[in-house]
Protein backbone atom coordinates (compact mmCIF):
# COMPACT_ATOMS: atom_id res chain seq x y z
CA MET A 1 100.24 -118.07 -217.55
CA THR A 2 100.33 -118.09 -220.97
CA LYS A 3 99.26 -115.97 -223.73
CA THR A 4 98.03 -117.08 -226.99
CA THR A 5 95.16 -119.14 -225.61
CA GLY A 6 91.59 -117.97 -227.77
CA THR A 7 91.44 -117.18 -231.45
CA GLY A 8 92.64 -114.18 -233.09
CA GLY A 9 89.32 -112.68 -233.80
CA ASP A 10 87.95 -113.00 -230.19
CA PRO A 11 88.00 -109.61 -228.07
CA PRO A 12 91.92 -108.73 -226.58
CA TYR A 13 89.20 -108.91 -222.53
CA LEU A 14 87.72 -112.47 -224.10
CA ARG A 15 91.59 -113.75 -224.67
CA ILE A 16 92.66 -112.45 -220.52
CA VAL A 17 89.04 -114.37 -219.38
CA ALA A 18 90.14 -117.48 -221.77
CA ALA A 19 93.76 -117.62 -220.31
CA ILE A 20 93.14 -116.77 -216.46
CA ARG A 21 90.49 -119.74 -217.03
CA ARG A 22 92.56 -122.43 -218.05
CA SER A 23 95.05 -121.10 -215.29
CA ILE A 24 92.72 -121.97 -213.00
CA ALA A 25 91.43 -124.96 -215.01
CA ASP A 26 94.69 -126.83 -215.07
CA GLY A 27 95.80 -125.79 -211.63
CA GLU A 28 98.78 -123.41 -211.60
CA LEU A 29 96.15 -120.71 -209.68
CA ALA A 30 94.80 -122.98 -207.29
CA PRO A 31 91.69 -121.71 -205.08
CA GLY A 32 92.76 -119.48 -202.48
CA ASP A 33 95.19 -118.20 -204.94
CA ARG A 34 95.40 -114.32 -205.95
CA VAL A 35 94.27 -113.83 -209.11
CA PRO A 36 96.34 -110.74 -211.58
CA SER A 37 95.44 -107.78 -210.75
CA THR A 38 93.87 -104.95 -213.25
CA ARG A 39 97.02 -103.08 -212.92
CA GLN A 40 98.90 -106.50 -213.65
CA ILE A 41 97.24 -107.67 -216.08
CA ALA A 42 96.75 -103.85 -217.86
CA ALA A 43 100.95 -104.14 -218.11
CA ASP A 44 101.38 -107.74 -219.27
CA TRP A 45 99.36 -107.61 -222.28
CA GLY A 46 99.62 -104.22 -223.04
CA VAL A 47 95.76 -103.73 -222.43
CA ALA A 48 93.44 -100.31 -220.90
CA LEU A 49 92.55 -101.17 -217.51
CA ALA A 50 89.43 -100.93 -219.02
CA THR A 51 90.05 -104.06 -220.63
CA ALA A 52 91.53 -105.46 -217.40
CA THR A 53 88.38 -104.80 -215.62
CA LYS A 54 86.06 -106.35 -218.36
CA ALA A 55 88.09 -109.41 -218.06
CA LEU A 56 87.52 -109.91 -214.26
CA THR A 57 84.43 -108.97 -214.25
CA THR A 58 83.90 -111.70 -216.51
CA LEU A 59 85.36 -114.11 -214.46
CA ARG A 60 84.09 -112.86 -211.65
CA LEU A 61 79.90 -113.45 -213.29
CA GLU A 62 81.66 -116.62 -214.21
CA GLY A 63 81.71 -117.32 -210.49
CA LEU A 64 85.91 -117.95 -211.02
CA ILE A 65 87.08 -115.34 -209.11
CA GLU A 66 86.12 -113.75 -206.39
CA ALA A 67 87.00 -110.84 -204.07
CA ARG A 68 87.97 -111.34 -200.28
CA PRO A 69 88.23 -107.96 -197.86
CA ARG A 70 91.78 -106.82 -197.00
CA ILE A 71 93.17 -109.96 -199.66
CA GLY A 72 92.35 -108.92 -203.23
CA THR A 73 90.52 -110.97 -206.17
CA VAL A 74 91.50 -114.24 -205.58
CA VAL A 75 90.45 -118.58 -206.44
CA ALA A 76 86.68 -118.58 -205.87
CA GLY A 77 86.71 -121.95 -203.90
CA THR A 78 87.69 -121.73 -200.14
CA THR A 79 85.73 -120.11 -197.43
CA PRO A 80 86.84 -116.73 -196.27
CA ALA A 81 88.13 -118.39 -193.40
CA ALA A 82 90.20 -120.12 -195.16
CA PRO A 83 94.22 -119.55 -195.42
CA ALA A 84 94.63 -118.64 -199.25
CA ARG A 85 97.38 -120.91 -200.02
CA ARG A 86 100.35 -119.28 -201.36
CA ARG A 87 102.95 -120.42 -203.55
CA PRO A 88 106.62 -118.53 -201.39
CA SER A 89 109.44 -117.46 -202.68
CA PRO A 90 112.97 -119.47 -202.00
CA ALA A 91 113.26 -118.81 -198.63
CA PRO A 92 117.02 -116.56 -198.19
CA ASP A 93 120.31 -118.55 -197.15
CA SER A 94 120.60 -115.64 -194.58
CA GLU A 95 119.54 -112.75 -192.80
CA GLN A 96 122.96 -111.03 -194.79
CA GLU A 97 121.18 -111.75 -198.28
CA LEU A 98 117.15 -110.82 -197.41
CA GLY A 99 119.22 -107.65 -196.93
CA LEU A 100 116.92 -104.07 -196.78
CA ASP A 101 117.00 -103.69 -200.76
CA ARG A 102 115.48 -106.88 -201.38
CA ILE A 103 112.06 -106.13 -199.10
CA VAL A 104 112.62 -102.40 -200.00
CA ARG A 105 112.02 -103.97 -203.89
CA THR A 106 109.70 -106.44 -203.11
CA ALA A 107 107.32 -103.39 -201.27
CA ILE A 108 107.42 -102.17 -204.02
CA ASP A 109 106.14 -104.48 -206.66
CA MET A 110 103.80 -105.32 -204.41
CA ALA A 111 102.94 -101.33 -204.08
CA ASP A 112 103.42 -101.08 -208.12
CA ALA A 113 100.43 -104.63 -208.64
CA GLU A 114 98.33 -103.20 -206.00
CA GLY A 115 98.31 -100.07 -204.88
CA LEU A 116 99.91 -98.89 -201.75
CA ALA A 117 96.47 -99.68 -199.62
CA ALA A 118 96.76 -103.26 -200.20
CA LEU A 119 100.70 -103.26 -199.06
CA SER A 120 101.89 -104.55 -194.86
CA MET A 121 104.74 -105.92 -193.34
CA ARG A 122 103.32 -109.62 -193.07
CA GLY A 123 102.12 -109.55 -197.41
CA VAL A 124 106.30 -108.70 -198.18
CA ALA A 125 107.31 -111.33 -195.78
CA ALA A 126 105.48 -113.61 -197.35
CA ARG A 127 106.41 -112.55 -200.51
CA LEU A 128 109.75 -113.18 -199.31
CA GLY A 129 109.03 -116.72 -197.60
CA VAL A 130 110.43 -116.14 -194.50
CA ALA A 131 108.46 -114.76 -190.95
CA PRO A 132 107.07 -111.57 -190.30
CA MET A 133 109.46 -110.86 -187.61
CA SER A 134 112.58 -111.50 -190.48
CA THR A 135 111.68 -108.32 -192.01
CA TYR A 136 111.92 -106.11 -188.76
CA ARG A 137 115.14 -106.74 -187.86
CA TYR A 138 115.56 -103.99 -190.80
CA VAL A 139 112.53 -102.13 -190.78
CA PRO A 140 110.33 -101.54 -188.26
CA SER A 141 107.73 -100.23 -189.03
CA LYS A 142 105.63 -99.56 -192.72
CA GLU A 143 106.08 -96.48 -192.08
CA ASP A 144 109.48 -96.48 -192.35
CA LEU A 145 108.95 -98.88 -194.99
CA VAL A 146 107.51 -96.85 -197.50
CA LEU A 147 109.73 -93.76 -196.55
CA HIS A 148 112.53 -96.59 -198.44
CA MET A 149 110.41 -97.45 -201.19
CA ALA A 150 109.75 -93.48 -201.85
CA ASP A 151 113.70 -93.23 -201.97
CA ALA A 152 114.15 -95.81 -203.85
CA ALA A 153 111.53 -94.91 -206.31
CA PHE A 154 112.09 -91.43 -207.45
CA GLY A 155 116.30 -92.51 -207.45
CA GLU A 156 115.01 -94.69 -210.19
CA GLU A 157 114.84 -92.67 -213.35
CA SER A 158 117.56 -89.61 -212.85
CA PRO A 159 118.58 -87.93 -216.25
CA TYR A 160 120.00 -85.50 -215.15
CA HIS A 161 123.93 -84.28 -215.88
CA SER A 162 126.67 -82.03 -215.09
CA ASP A 163 126.36 -80.96 -218.66
CA ALA A 164 122.14 -79.78 -218.59
CA PRO A 165 120.70 -77.73 -220.69
CA ALA A 166 121.34 -73.84 -220.21
CA ASP A 167 117.75 -73.11 -221.66
CA TRP A 168 115.85 -72.75 -217.86
CA ARG A 169 112.18 -73.61 -220.11
CA THR A 170 114.34 -77.33 -221.35
CA ARG A 171 115.64 -77.84 -218.12
CA ILE A 172 112.21 -77.97 -216.36
CA GLU A 173 110.31 -80.19 -218.93
CA LEU A 174 112.64 -83.01 -218.66
CA GLY A 175 112.66 -83.06 -215.22
CA ALA A 176 108.74 -82.51 -215.17
CA ARG A 177 108.28 -85.25 -217.80
CA THR A 178 111.07 -87.14 -215.22
CA LEU A 179 108.73 -87.33 -212.37
CA TRP A 180 105.71 -88.22 -214.32
CA GLY A 181 107.63 -91.17 -216.17
CA LEU A 182 107.95 -91.83 -212.83
CA TYR A 183 104.31 -91.30 -211.20
CA ARG A 184 103.14 -93.03 -214.26
CA ARG A 185 105.81 -96.19 -213.33
CA HIS A 186 104.56 -96.00 -209.39
CA PRO A 187 100.89 -94.51 -209.62
CA TRP A 188 101.14 -94.54 -205.67
CA LEU A 189 104.24 -92.40 -205.24
CA ALA A 190 102.12 -89.69 -205.47
CA GLN A 191 99.49 -90.54 -202.44
CA LEU A 192 102.36 -90.24 -199.66
CA ASN A 193 103.05 -86.37 -199.45
CA SER A 194 101.13 -83.16 -199.81
CA LEU A 195 102.54 -79.86 -200.60
CA THR A 196 101.59 -78.91 -197.18
CA ARG A 197 103.81 -81.82 -195.79
CA PRO A 198 106.34 -83.09 -197.69
CA LEU A 199 107.89 -86.10 -198.59
CA LEU A 200 111.98 -85.51 -197.15
CA VAL A 201 113.75 -87.33 -198.67
CA PRO A 202 116.87 -87.69 -200.69
CA ASN A 203 115.80 -88.88 -204.77
CA LEU A 204 113.05 -86.58 -204.24
CA LEU A 205 114.82 -83.57 -203.48
CA VAL A 206 116.82 -84.32 -205.86
CA HIS A 207 114.35 -83.55 -208.90
CA GLY A 208 113.69 -80.41 -206.60
CA GLU A 209 117.13 -79.39 -206.99
CA TRP A 210 117.32 -79.69 -210.28
CA VAL A 211 114.26 -77.33 -211.16
CA LEU A 212 115.92 -74.95 -208.56
CA GLY A 213 118.90 -74.72 -210.07
CA ALA A 214 117.65 -74.00 -213.39
CA LEU A 215 115.02 -70.64 -211.74
CA ASP A 216 118.26 -69.77 -210.29
CA GLY A 217 120.01 -67.23 -212.02
CA HIS A 218 117.34 -65.50 -212.63
CA GLY A 219 117.07 -62.42 -210.31
CA LEU A 220 113.51 -63.39 -208.62
CA ASP A 221 113.46 -63.09 -204.95
CA PRO A 222 113.60 -65.98 -203.12
CA THR A 223 109.62 -66.42 -202.22
CA THR A 224 109.06 -66.74 -206.22
CA LEU A 225 111.75 -68.77 -206.74
CA PHE A 226 110.74 -71.33 -204.62
CA ASP A 227 106.72 -70.22 -205.12
CA ILE A 228 107.61 -71.38 -208.98
CA HIS A 229 109.09 -74.24 -207.76
CA VAL A 230 106.07 -75.43 -206.24
CA LEU A 231 103.42 -74.39 -208.95
CA ILE A 232 105.66 -76.63 -211.54
CA TYR A 233 105.95 -79.33 -208.59
CA SER A 234 101.78 -79.79 -207.77
CA HIS A 235 100.92 -79.47 -211.15
CA VAL A 236 102.97 -83.13 -212.32
CA GLN A 237 101.98 -84.54 -208.96
CA GLY A 238 97.96 -83.13 -209.01
CA LEU A 239 97.67 -84.89 -211.67
CA ALA A 240 99.16 -87.92 -210.90
CA VAL A 241 97.12 -88.55 -207.66
CA HIS A 242 94.64 -89.49 -209.66
CA LEU A 243 96.00 -92.92 -211.02
CA GLU A 244 96.15 -94.27 -207.84
CA MET A 245 92.91 -93.17 -207.10
CA GLU A 246 91.22 -94.34 -210.50
CA ALA A 247 92.85 -97.78 -209.70
CA HIS A 248 91.84 -98.10 -206.84
CA ALA A 249 88.22 -97.34 -207.86
CA GLU A 250 88.13 -99.44 -210.37
CA ALA A 251 89.26 -102.76 -207.68
CA VAL A 252 86.65 -101.74 -205.38
CA THR A 253 83.96 -101.41 -207.86
CA GLY A 254 85.25 -104.01 -210.94
CA GLN A 255 83.25 -100.75 -213.13
CA SER A 256 85.94 -99.02 -214.65
CA GLU A 257 86.16 -95.22 -216.04
CA ASP A 258 83.98 -95.95 -219.31
CA GLN A 259 81.38 -98.06 -217.05
CA TRP A 260 80.89 -96.17 -214.27
CA MET A 261 80.08 -92.35 -216.31
CA ASP A 262 77.86 -94.69 -218.34
CA SER A 263 76.18 -96.25 -215.38
CA HIS A 264 76.21 -92.37 -214.11
CA ALA A 265 74.90 -91.16 -217.52
CA PRO A 266 70.63 -90.01 -216.27
CA ALA A 267 72.56 -88.34 -213.49
CA LEU A 268 74.59 -85.79 -215.81
CA GLN A 269 72.08 -85.93 -218.08
CA GLU A 270 69.35 -84.16 -216.00
CA LEU A 271 72.12 -81.52 -214.96
CA VAL A 272 72.24 -81.21 -218.34
CA GLU A 273 68.87 -81.15 -219.03
CA SER A 274 67.78 -78.76 -215.70
CA GLY A 275 68.84 -75.38 -217.82
CA ARG A 276 70.50 -74.26 -214.82
CA PHE A 277 73.92 -74.83 -216.12
CA PRO A 278 74.03 -73.57 -220.23
CA THR A 279 78.09 -73.07 -220.72
CA PHE A 280 78.23 -76.69 -219.55
CA ALA A 281 75.55 -78.59 -221.84
CA LYS A 282 76.78 -77.10 -224.55
CA VAL A 283 79.92 -77.63 -224.45
CA ILE A 284 79.13 -81.29 -222.90
CA GLY A 285 76.31 -81.37 -226.34
CA ALA A 286 79.14 -80.46 -228.16
CA PHE A 287 81.19 -83.53 -228.22
CA GLU A 288 81.03 -86.58 -230.16
CA ASN A 289 81.41 -89.40 -228.08
CA GLY A 290 81.59 -87.74 -224.74
CA TYR A 291 84.84 -86.32 -223.17
CA ASP A 292 88.29 -88.73 -223.63
CA LEU A 293 89.94 -87.62 -220.05
CA ARG A 294 93.84 -88.21 -221.17
CA LEU A 295 96.33 -87.33 -218.80
CA ASP A 296 99.27 -87.28 -220.22
CA ALA A 297 97.43 -85.19 -222.74
CA LEU A 298 96.57 -82.60 -219.71
CA PHE A 299 99.82 -82.82 -218.47
CA GLU A 300 101.79 -81.73 -221.45
CA PHE A 301 99.58 -78.92 -222.50
CA GLY A 302 99.08 -77.74 -218.40
CA LEU A 303 102.70 -77.90 -218.29
CA LYS A 304 103.28 -75.46 -221.55
CA ALA A 305 100.62 -73.12 -220.80
CA LEU A 306 102.17 -72.82 -217.28
CA LEU A 307 105.85 -72.20 -218.20
CA ASP A 308 104.06 -69.95 -220.66
CA GLY A 309 102.65 -68.12 -218.13
CA LEU A 310 106.05 -68.04 -215.87
CA THR A 311 108.51 -67.21 -219.13
CA PRO A 312 107.21 -63.43 -218.67
CA ILE A 313 108.72 -63.30 -214.64
CA ILE A 314 111.49 -65.20 -214.76
CA GLU A 315 113.58 -63.51 -217.73
CA GLY A 316 111.90 -60.05 -216.73
CA ARG A 317 109.84 -59.02 -219.21
CA GLU A 318 106.63 -59.39 -216.95
CA SER A 319 104.77 -56.52 -218.60
CA ALA A 320 103.34 -53.68 -215.85
CA ALA A 321 99.99 -54.26 -214.95
């Protein structure tokens, strides 16, 4: 799909609309075909998710696309019961060529584009152009597939090496930013585990080993050492869960974060003017253009605050209470 359609003066969302509209008119996207998701449009065009959502909303209002339960957003023009036309990928020459790695990589690409909720064994097989039962020869269930996906994703970026920084804080910052980058690349990753039921895959433990190694040797008892490791991980993962949640909410509602806030402005205004929350009202009123929730900035701000607070404990300079 070309990205040059439209004049240079058009807003970005209109250029996206024009490109998808042309793809539909030219038959590149036929009735029943899935259209790019908000996340895919944002990545391909280098725009914000809000812009991508606005483009898809415009196309939906024009009647060119429609949402299908358990399928996603497709080109309008077929009944819901009609099967969507799919251009299958070239079938592998042999079962050996199919392989677990190819299945896992395809599943990761699908989860990145559409979210983990849209992933299915049948969908992966269709993307690969093979019979559904072919994938089960390599992975017995979706749950097992997700574990393989997580292990592969966590293993994609590992800047850790033998000549690690001697300074514990530099090492932890590197580890935390590496994890944040992986969650940014694969937002579904943060949805897979909780602190009470950790995800036990080798490549996630590589990241944990890095942080534990940075903390070891500072005279911390095992409980304190592991508590600090859990706190650092929970800061990264706790913010990252909102990446997938927001993308899913936009896909379901068709509203960007800003559009959702605008639609709830009366309720917020009622709370501000109630007099029950004076500090909240004062802070909200001080923003000239509203509060901008910036997850990347919050990650860095929180990481610094957390490590600043932990420094006396780790370096043995905790003041007496």
